[in-house]
N, C-alpha and C. Protein backbone atom coordinates (compact mmCIF):
# COMPACT_ATOMS: atom_id res chain seq x y z
N MET A 1 -5.30 -7.86 29.43
CA MET A 1 -5.62 -7.06 28.27
C MET A 1 -7.00 -7.46 27.75
N THR A 2 -7.76 -6.49 27.32
CA THR A 2 -9.08 -6.72 26.76
C THR A 2 -8.96 -7.41 25.42
N ILE A 3 -9.79 -8.43 25.22
CA ILE A 3 -9.82 -9.10 23.92
C ILE A 3 -10.97 -8.51 23.13
N MET A 4 -10.64 -7.90 22.00
CA MET A 4 -11.64 -7.30 21.14
C MET A 4 -11.09 -7.27 19.72
N THR A 5 -11.98 -7.11 18.79
CA THR A 5 -11.55 -7.00 17.41
C THR A 5 -11.27 -5.54 17.11
N ILE A 6 -10.05 -5.28 16.71
CA ILE A 6 -9.65 -3.92 16.36
C ILE A 6 -9.94 -3.73 14.88
N THR A 7 -10.77 -2.75 14.57
CA THR A 7 -11.12 -2.50 13.17
C THR A 7 -10.56 -1.19 12.66
N LYS A 8 -10.15 -0.31 13.56
CA LYS A 8 -9.61 0.99 13.18
C LYS A 8 -8.35 1.26 13.98
N ILE A 9 -7.45 2.00 13.38
CA ILE A 9 -6.22 2.35 14.07
C ILE A 9 -6.51 3.19 15.32
N LEU A 10 -7.60 3.98 15.28
CA LEU A 10 -7.96 4.79 16.45
C LEU A 10 -8.46 3.90 17.59
N ASP A 11 -9.11 2.81 17.25
CA ASP A 11 -9.52 1.85 18.29
C ASP A 11 -8.29 1.30 19.00
N LEU A 12 -7.26 1.00 18.22
CA LEU A 12 -6.04 0.46 18.80
C LEU A 12 -5.33 1.50 19.67
N LEU A 13 -5.24 2.73 19.18
CA LEU A 13 -4.61 3.79 19.98
C LEU A 13 -5.37 3.99 21.29
N SER A 14 -6.67 4.04 21.22
CA SER A 14 -7.49 4.23 22.41
C SER A 14 -7.32 3.07 23.40
N LEU A 15 -7.31 1.87 22.88
CA LEU A 15 -7.12 0.69 23.73
C LEU A 15 -5.76 0.74 24.42
N ARG A 16 -4.72 1.03 23.66
CA ARG A 16 -3.37 1.08 24.24
C ARG A 16 -3.25 2.22 25.25
N ALA A 17 -3.86 3.36 24.96
CA ALA A 17 -3.80 4.50 25.88
C ALA A 17 -4.50 4.16 27.19
N ARG A 18 -5.54 3.37 27.11
CA ARG A 18 -6.29 2.99 28.30
C ARG A 18 -5.59 1.88 29.08
N GLU A 19 -5.06 0.88 28.37
CA GLU A 19 -4.52 -0.30 29.05
C GLU A 19 -3.00 -0.27 29.24
N GLN A 20 -2.30 0.51 28.43
CA GLN A 20 -0.85 0.60 28.55
C GLN A 20 -0.43 2.07 28.42
N PRO A 21 -0.95 2.94 29.27
CA PRO A 21 -0.75 4.38 29.08
C PRO A 21 0.71 4.83 29.10
N SER A 22 1.54 4.18 29.88
CA SER A 22 2.94 4.64 29.99
C SER A 22 3.89 3.89 29.07
N THR A 23 3.38 3.00 28.26
CA THR A 23 4.21 2.29 27.30
C THR A 23 4.57 3.21 26.14
N ILE A 24 5.81 3.14 25.69
CA ILE A 24 6.27 3.97 24.59
C ILE A 24 5.57 3.52 23.31
N ALA A 25 4.89 4.46 22.67
CA ALA A 25 4.20 4.18 21.41
C ALA A 25 5.16 4.34 20.23
N TYR A 26 5.92 5.43 20.23
CA TYR A 26 6.85 5.72 19.15
C TYR A 26 8.10 6.37 19.72
N SER A 27 9.22 6.11 19.07
CA SER A 27 10.49 6.76 19.38
C SER A 27 11.00 7.41 18.11
N TYR A 28 11.61 8.57 18.25
CA TYR A 28 12.23 9.24 17.11
C TYR A 28 13.74 9.07 17.23
N LEU A 29 14.34 8.52 16.18
CA LEU A 29 15.77 8.33 16.14
C LEU A 29 16.38 9.45 15.32
N ASP A 30 17.17 10.28 15.99
CA ASP A 30 17.71 11.49 15.37
C ASP A 30 18.55 11.21 14.14
N ASN A 31 19.46 10.29 14.22
CA ASN A 31 20.32 9.99 13.08
C ASN A 31 20.11 8.55 12.60
N GLY A 32 18.98 8.00 12.94
CA GLY A 32 18.69 6.62 12.58
C GLY A 32 19.12 5.63 13.64
N GLU A 33 19.82 6.11 14.66
CA GLU A 33 20.32 5.22 15.71
C GLU A 33 20.07 5.73 17.12
N ASP A 34 20.24 7.04 17.34
CA ASP A 34 20.14 7.60 18.69
C ASP A 34 18.74 8.13 18.95
N GLU A 35 18.14 7.63 20.03
CA GLU A 35 16.78 8.08 20.37
C GLU A 35 16.82 9.53 20.83
N ALA A 36 16.05 10.38 20.15
CA ALA A 36 16.01 11.81 20.47
C ALA A 36 14.73 12.19 21.20
N ALA A 37 13.67 11.42 20.99
CA ALA A 37 12.39 11.72 21.63
C ALA A 37 11.54 10.45 21.65
N ARG A 38 10.56 10.46 22.54
CA ARG A 38 9.62 9.34 22.63
C ARG A 38 8.27 9.86 23.09
N ILE A 39 7.24 9.09 22.79
CA ILE A 39 5.90 9.47 23.21
C ILE A 39 5.15 8.21 23.64
N THR A 40 4.41 8.32 24.74
CA THR A 40 3.63 7.18 25.22
C THR A 40 2.27 7.15 24.54
N TYR A 41 1.59 6.04 24.68
CA TYR A 41 0.25 5.93 24.10
C TYR A 41 -0.70 6.96 24.70
N ALA A 42 -0.62 7.17 26.01
CA ALA A 42 -1.51 8.14 26.66
C ALA A 42 -1.23 9.56 26.16
N ASP A 43 0.05 9.93 26.06
CA ASP A 43 0.40 11.27 25.58
C ASP A 43 -0.01 11.46 24.12
N LEU A 44 0.19 10.44 23.31
CA LEU A 44 -0.18 10.54 21.89
C LEU A 44 -1.69 10.72 21.75
N GLU A 45 -2.46 9.95 22.48
CA GLU A 45 -3.91 10.10 22.38
C GLU A 45 -4.35 11.47 22.88
N GLN A 46 -3.75 11.94 23.98
CA GLN A 46 -4.10 13.26 24.51
C GLN A 46 -3.81 14.36 23.49
N ARG A 47 -2.64 14.30 22.86
CA ARG A 47 -2.29 15.30 21.84
C ARG A 47 -3.23 15.21 20.64
N ALA A 48 -3.51 14.00 20.22
CA ALA A 48 -4.39 13.80 19.06
C ALA A 48 -5.79 14.34 19.32
N LEU A 49 -6.32 14.11 20.50
CA LEU A 49 -7.65 14.61 20.83
C LEU A 49 -7.66 16.14 20.90
N ALA A 50 -6.57 16.74 21.39
CA ALA A 50 -6.48 18.20 21.42
C ALA A 50 -6.43 18.77 20.00
N VAL A 51 -5.67 18.14 19.13
CA VAL A 51 -5.60 18.58 17.73
C VAL A 51 -6.96 18.43 17.07
N ALA A 52 -7.63 17.31 17.32
CA ALA A 52 -8.95 17.07 16.73
C ALA A 52 -9.94 18.16 17.15
N GLU A 53 -9.89 18.55 18.40
CA GLU A 53 -10.79 19.61 18.89
C GLU A 53 -10.51 20.93 18.17
N LEU A 54 -9.24 21.26 18.01
CA LEU A 54 -8.87 22.48 17.29
C LEU A 54 -9.33 22.41 15.83
N LEU A 55 -9.09 21.29 15.19
CA LEU A 55 -9.47 21.14 13.78
C LEU A 55 -10.97 21.28 13.58
N ARG A 56 -11.74 20.73 14.48
CA ARG A 56 -13.21 20.81 14.35
C ARG A 56 -13.71 22.25 14.40
N ALA A 57 -12.94 23.14 15.02
CA ALA A 57 -13.33 24.55 15.08
C ALA A 57 -13.11 25.25 13.75
N TYR A 58 -12.25 24.71 12.89
CA TYR A 58 -11.89 25.36 11.64
C TYR A 58 -12.29 24.58 10.39
N ALA A 59 -12.54 23.30 10.52
CA ALA A 59 -12.78 22.47 9.34
C ALA A 59 -13.91 21.49 9.61
N ASN A 60 -14.44 20.96 8.54
CA ASN A 60 -15.52 19.98 8.61
C ASN A 60 -14.98 18.60 8.26
N PRO A 61 -15.69 17.55 8.67
CA PRO A 61 -15.27 16.21 8.26
C PRO A 61 -15.09 16.15 6.74
N ARG A 62 -14.06 15.43 6.33
CA ARG A 62 -13.68 15.23 4.93
C ARG A 62 -12.98 16.42 4.29
N ASP A 63 -12.80 17.54 5.03
CA ASP A 63 -11.94 18.61 4.53
C ASP A 63 -10.51 18.08 4.50
N ARG A 64 -9.66 18.75 3.75
CA ARG A 64 -8.24 18.37 3.67
C ARG A 64 -7.41 19.31 4.53
N VAL A 65 -6.45 18.73 5.23
CA VAL A 65 -5.54 19.50 6.06
C VAL A 65 -4.11 19.11 5.69
N VAL A 66 -3.33 20.10 5.29
CA VAL A 66 -1.93 19.84 4.97
C VAL A 66 -1.14 19.81 6.28
N LEU A 67 -0.36 18.77 6.44
CA LEU A 67 0.50 18.62 7.62
C LEU A 67 1.94 18.81 7.18
N VAL A 68 2.54 19.90 7.62
CA VAL A 68 3.93 20.19 7.27
C VAL A 68 4.71 20.27 8.57
N TYR A 69 5.50 19.27 8.82
CA TYR A 69 6.27 19.19 10.06
C TYR A 69 7.69 18.78 9.75
N PRO A 70 8.65 19.28 10.51
CA PRO A 70 10.02 18.76 10.38
C PRO A 70 10.05 17.34 10.96
N SER A 71 11.14 16.65 10.74
CA SER A 71 11.28 15.30 11.29
C SER A 71 11.10 15.33 12.80
N GLY A 72 10.37 14.37 13.33
CA GLY A 72 10.12 14.29 14.76
C GLY A 72 8.77 13.68 15.04
N LEU A 73 8.35 13.74 16.29
CA LEU A 73 7.12 13.10 16.72
C LEU A 73 5.88 14.00 16.65
N GLU A 74 6.06 15.30 16.44
CA GLU A 74 4.91 16.22 16.42
C GLU A 74 3.89 15.84 15.35
N PHE A 75 4.40 15.32 14.24
CA PHE A 75 3.52 14.91 13.14
C PHE A 75 2.47 13.90 13.60
N LEU A 76 2.87 12.98 14.47
CA LEU A 76 1.96 11.90 14.88
C LEU A 76 0.71 12.43 15.57
N GLY A 77 0.85 13.39 16.46
CA GLY A 77 -0.32 13.97 17.13
C GLY A 77 -1.26 14.62 16.13
N ALA A 78 -0.68 15.32 15.15
CA ALA A 78 -1.50 15.97 14.13
C ALA A 78 -2.18 14.95 13.24
N PHE A 79 -1.46 13.90 12.85
CA PHE A 79 -2.04 12.88 11.98
C PHE A 79 -3.20 12.16 12.68
N PHE A 80 -2.97 11.70 13.89
CA PHE A 80 -4.04 11.02 14.63
C PHE A 80 -5.18 11.99 14.95
N GLY A 81 -4.85 13.26 15.18
CA GLY A 81 -5.89 14.27 15.39
C GLY A 81 -6.80 14.40 14.18
N CYS A 82 -6.21 14.36 13.00
CA CYS A 82 -7.01 14.39 11.76
C CYS A 82 -7.95 13.19 11.71
N LEU A 83 -7.43 12.03 12.06
CA LEU A 83 -8.28 10.84 12.04
C LEU A 83 -9.44 10.97 13.02
N TYR A 84 -9.15 11.45 14.23
CA TYR A 84 -10.22 11.64 15.21
C TYR A 84 -11.27 12.64 14.73
N ALA A 85 -10.83 13.69 14.04
CA ALA A 85 -11.74 14.72 13.55
C ALA A 85 -12.39 14.34 12.22
N ARG A 86 -12.01 13.19 11.68
CA ARG A 86 -12.55 12.71 10.38
C ARG A 86 -12.19 13.67 9.25
N ILE A 87 -10.96 14.17 9.33
CA ILE A 87 -10.44 15.10 8.33
C ILE A 87 -9.30 14.40 7.60
N VAL A 88 -9.19 14.66 6.31
CA VAL A 88 -8.17 14.00 5.49
C VAL A 88 -6.82 14.68 5.70
N ALA A 89 -5.85 13.93 6.17
CA ALA A 89 -4.49 14.44 6.36
C ALA A 89 -3.73 14.36 5.04
N VAL A 90 -3.06 15.46 4.69
CA VAL A 90 -2.22 15.51 3.49
C VAL A 90 -0.81 15.84 3.95
N PRO A 91 -0.01 14.81 4.26
CA PRO A 91 1.35 15.06 4.75
C PRO A 91 2.27 15.52 3.62
N LEU A 92 3.04 16.57 3.89
CA LEU A 92 4.04 17.08 2.95
C LEU A 92 5.36 17.31 3.69
N HIS A 93 6.45 17.21 2.96
CA HIS A 93 7.74 17.52 3.56
C HIS A 93 7.83 19.02 3.82
N SER A 94 8.68 19.40 4.74
CA SER A 94 8.90 20.82 5.00
C SER A 94 9.53 21.46 3.77
N PRO A 95 9.09 22.66 3.39
CA PRO A 95 9.73 23.34 2.27
C PRO A 95 11.22 23.52 2.55
N ARG A 96 12.01 23.33 1.54
CA ARG A 96 13.47 23.41 1.70
C ARG A 96 13.99 24.69 1.08
N PRO A 97 14.74 25.46 1.83
CA PRO A 97 15.29 26.71 1.30
C PRO A 97 16.15 26.45 0.05
N GLY A 98 15.98 27.31 -0.95
CA GLY A 98 16.78 27.20 -2.15
C GLY A 98 16.35 26.09 -3.10
N ARG A 99 15.28 25.40 -2.79
CA ARG A 99 14.79 24.32 -3.65
C ARG A 99 13.53 24.78 -4.36
N HIS A 100 13.21 24.10 -5.43
CA HIS A 100 12.00 24.41 -6.20
C HIS A 100 10.81 23.79 -5.46
N ASN A 101 10.02 24.62 -4.80
CA ASN A 101 8.89 24.14 -3.99
C ASN A 101 7.54 24.42 -4.65
N ASP A 102 7.54 24.87 -5.89
CA ASP A 102 6.28 25.25 -6.54
C ASP A 102 5.29 24.11 -6.69
N LEU A 103 5.76 22.88 -6.65
CA LEU A 103 4.85 21.75 -6.84
C LEU A 103 3.84 21.63 -5.70
N VAL A 104 4.19 22.14 -4.51
CA VAL A 104 3.27 22.01 -3.38
C VAL A 104 2.30 23.18 -3.28
N CYS A 105 2.54 24.27 -4.00
CA CYS A 105 1.64 25.43 -3.92
C CYS A 105 0.19 25.08 -4.24
N PRO A 106 -0.08 24.35 -5.32
CA PRO A 106 -1.48 24.02 -5.60
C PRO A 106 -2.15 23.20 -4.50
N ILE A 107 -1.37 22.39 -3.81
CA ILE A 107 -1.93 21.61 -2.70
C ILE A 107 -2.32 22.54 -1.57
N PHE A 108 -1.47 23.53 -1.26
CA PHE A 108 -1.80 24.48 -0.22
C PHE A 108 -3.09 25.21 -0.53
N CYS A 109 -3.31 25.53 -1.77
CA CYS A 109 -4.46 26.35 -2.16
C CYS A 109 -5.77 25.58 -2.17
N THR A 110 -5.71 24.27 -2.00
CA THR A 110 -6.95 23.49 -1.95
C THR A 110 -7.12 22.82 -0.60
N SER A 111 -6.35 23.25 0.38
CA SER A 111 -6.38 22.61 1.68
C SER A 111 -6.28 23.65 2.79
N TRP A 112 -6.46 23.20 4.00
CA TRP A 112 -6.18 24.00 5.19
C TRP A 112 -4.78 23.65 5.62
N ILE A 113 -4.18 24.49 6.41
CA ILE A 113 -2.81 24.28 6.86
C ILE A 113 -2.80 24.11 8.38
N VAL A 114 -1.99 23.19 8.85
CA VAL A 114 -1.85 22.99 10.28
C VAL A 114 -0.45 23.34 10.72
N SER A 115 -0.34 24.26 11.66
CA SER A 115 0.90 24.56 12.38
C SER A 115 2.07 24.96 11.51
N VAL A 116 3.22 24.82 12.02
CA VAL A 116 4.52 25.03 11.42
C VAL A 116 4.83 26.50 11.10
N ALA A 117 5.68 27.08 11.91
CA ALA A 117 6.06 28.49 11.74
C ALA A 117 6.76 28.73 10.41
N GLN A 118 7.57 27.79 9.95
CA GLN A 118 8.28 28.00 8.69
C GLN A 118 7.33 28.07 7.51
N LEU A 119 6.14 27.55 7.67
CA LEU A 119 5.17 27.62 6.58
C LEU A 119 4.76 29.06 6.30
N LEU A 120 4.72 29.89 7.33
CA LEU A 120 4.39 31.30 7.12
C LEU A 120 5.40 31.95 6.18
N LYS A 121 6.67 31.64 6.39
CA LYS A 121 7.71 32.15 5.52
C LYS A 121 7.54 31.61 4.11
N TYR A 122 7.21 30.33 4.00
CA TYR A 122 7.05 29.70 2.70
C TYR A 122 5.83 30.26 1.97
N ARG A 123 4.74 30.48 2.69
CA ARG A 123 3.51 30.99 2.08
C ARG A 123 3.78 32.31 1.35
N ASP A 124 4.62 33.16 1.94
CA ASP A 124 4.92 34.44 1.32
C ASP A 124 5.69 34.31 0.02
N SER A 125 6.42 33.21 -0.16
CA SER A 125 7.19 33.04 -1.38
C SER A 125 6.51 32.10 -2.37
N CYS A 126 5.34 31.62 -2.04
CA CYS A 126 4.63 30.69 -2.91
C CYS A 126 4.20 31.41 -4.18
N ARG A 127 4.54 30.87 -5.30
CA ARG A 127 4.18 31.46 -6.59
C ARG A 127 3.25 30.50 -7.33
N MET A 128 2.28 31.06 -7.96
CA MET A 128 1.33 30.23 -8.72
C MET A 128 1.46 30.51 -10.21
N GLY A 129 2.69 30.62 -10.70
CA GLY A 129 2.91 30.81 -12.11
C GLY A 129 2.73 32.25 -12.58
N ARG A 130 2.46 33.16 -11.67
CA ARG A 130 2.26 34.57 -12.04
C ARG A 130 3.43 35.43 -11.58
N GLY A 131 4.38 34.82 -10.86
CA GLY A 131 5.53 35.58 -10.40
C GLY A 131 5.23 36.48 -9.22
N GLU A 132 4.10 36.27 -8.57
CA GLU A 132 3.78 37.08 -7.40
C GLU A 132 3.19 36.16 -6.33
N PRO A 133 3.31 36.55 -5.06
CA PRO A 133 2.76 35.70 -4.01
C PRO A 133 1.26 35.50 -4.21
N ASN A 134 0.81 34.32 -3.90
CA ASN A 134 -0.60 34.00 -4.07
C ASN A 134 -1.36 34.26 -2.78
N ASP A 135 -1.89 35.47 -2.63
CA ASP A 135 -2.63 35.82 -1.42
C ASP A 135 -4.09 35.40 -1.48
N GLU A 136 -4.56 35.04 -2.66
CA GLU A 136 -5.96 34.67 -2.75
C GLU A 136 -6.21 33.19 -2.47
N CYS A 137 -5.18 32.47 -2.06
CA CYS A 137 -5.34 31.06 -1.74
C CYS A 137 -6.31 30.86 -0.58
N GLY A 138 -6.33 31.79 0.35
CA GLY A 138 -7.16 31.62 1.52
C GLY A 138 -6.58 30.62 2.50
N LEU A 139 -5.26 30.57 2.59
CA LEU A 139 -4.62 29.65 3.52
C LEU A 139 -4.97 30.01 4.95
N THR A 140 -5.21 29.00 5.75
CA THR A 140 -5.42 29.19 7.17
C THR A 140 -4.32 28.45 7.89
N VAL A 141 -3.51 29.16 8.65
CA VAL A 141 -2.41 28.55 9.39
C VAL A 141 -2.83 28.45 10.84
N LEU A 142 -2.84 27.24 11.35
CA LEU A 142 -3.22 27.02 12.74
C LEU A 142 -1.98 26.88 13.59
């Protein structure tokens, strides 16, 4: 293993992807006990770099990107992709049907949106205190 000083989490991911590509980086436990999915360092870095490339086409460094993902490993590729693209990740829980989700609407309106099909459904029901959908937010769903 290469001896170096790791100063950034991306340096560590890159090092592990290069030197331990098939080692499991993260596992997702479905009910807290049973492994439902796993991702290697090489796969995580590959996904993160692909996300970073996509983000750079739509956003500039220091822009904010809302990450709305259900439980699982998909969030990790998006989060590390934001770091590679030098974009601020704003992780939020998935909107829950029948719950009061208005608190997240202002965040959506000041950020870009990444992925998640259910967000399209949520965007249509987002209210900004006027009782009507907020179409002037300028949301971009990737």
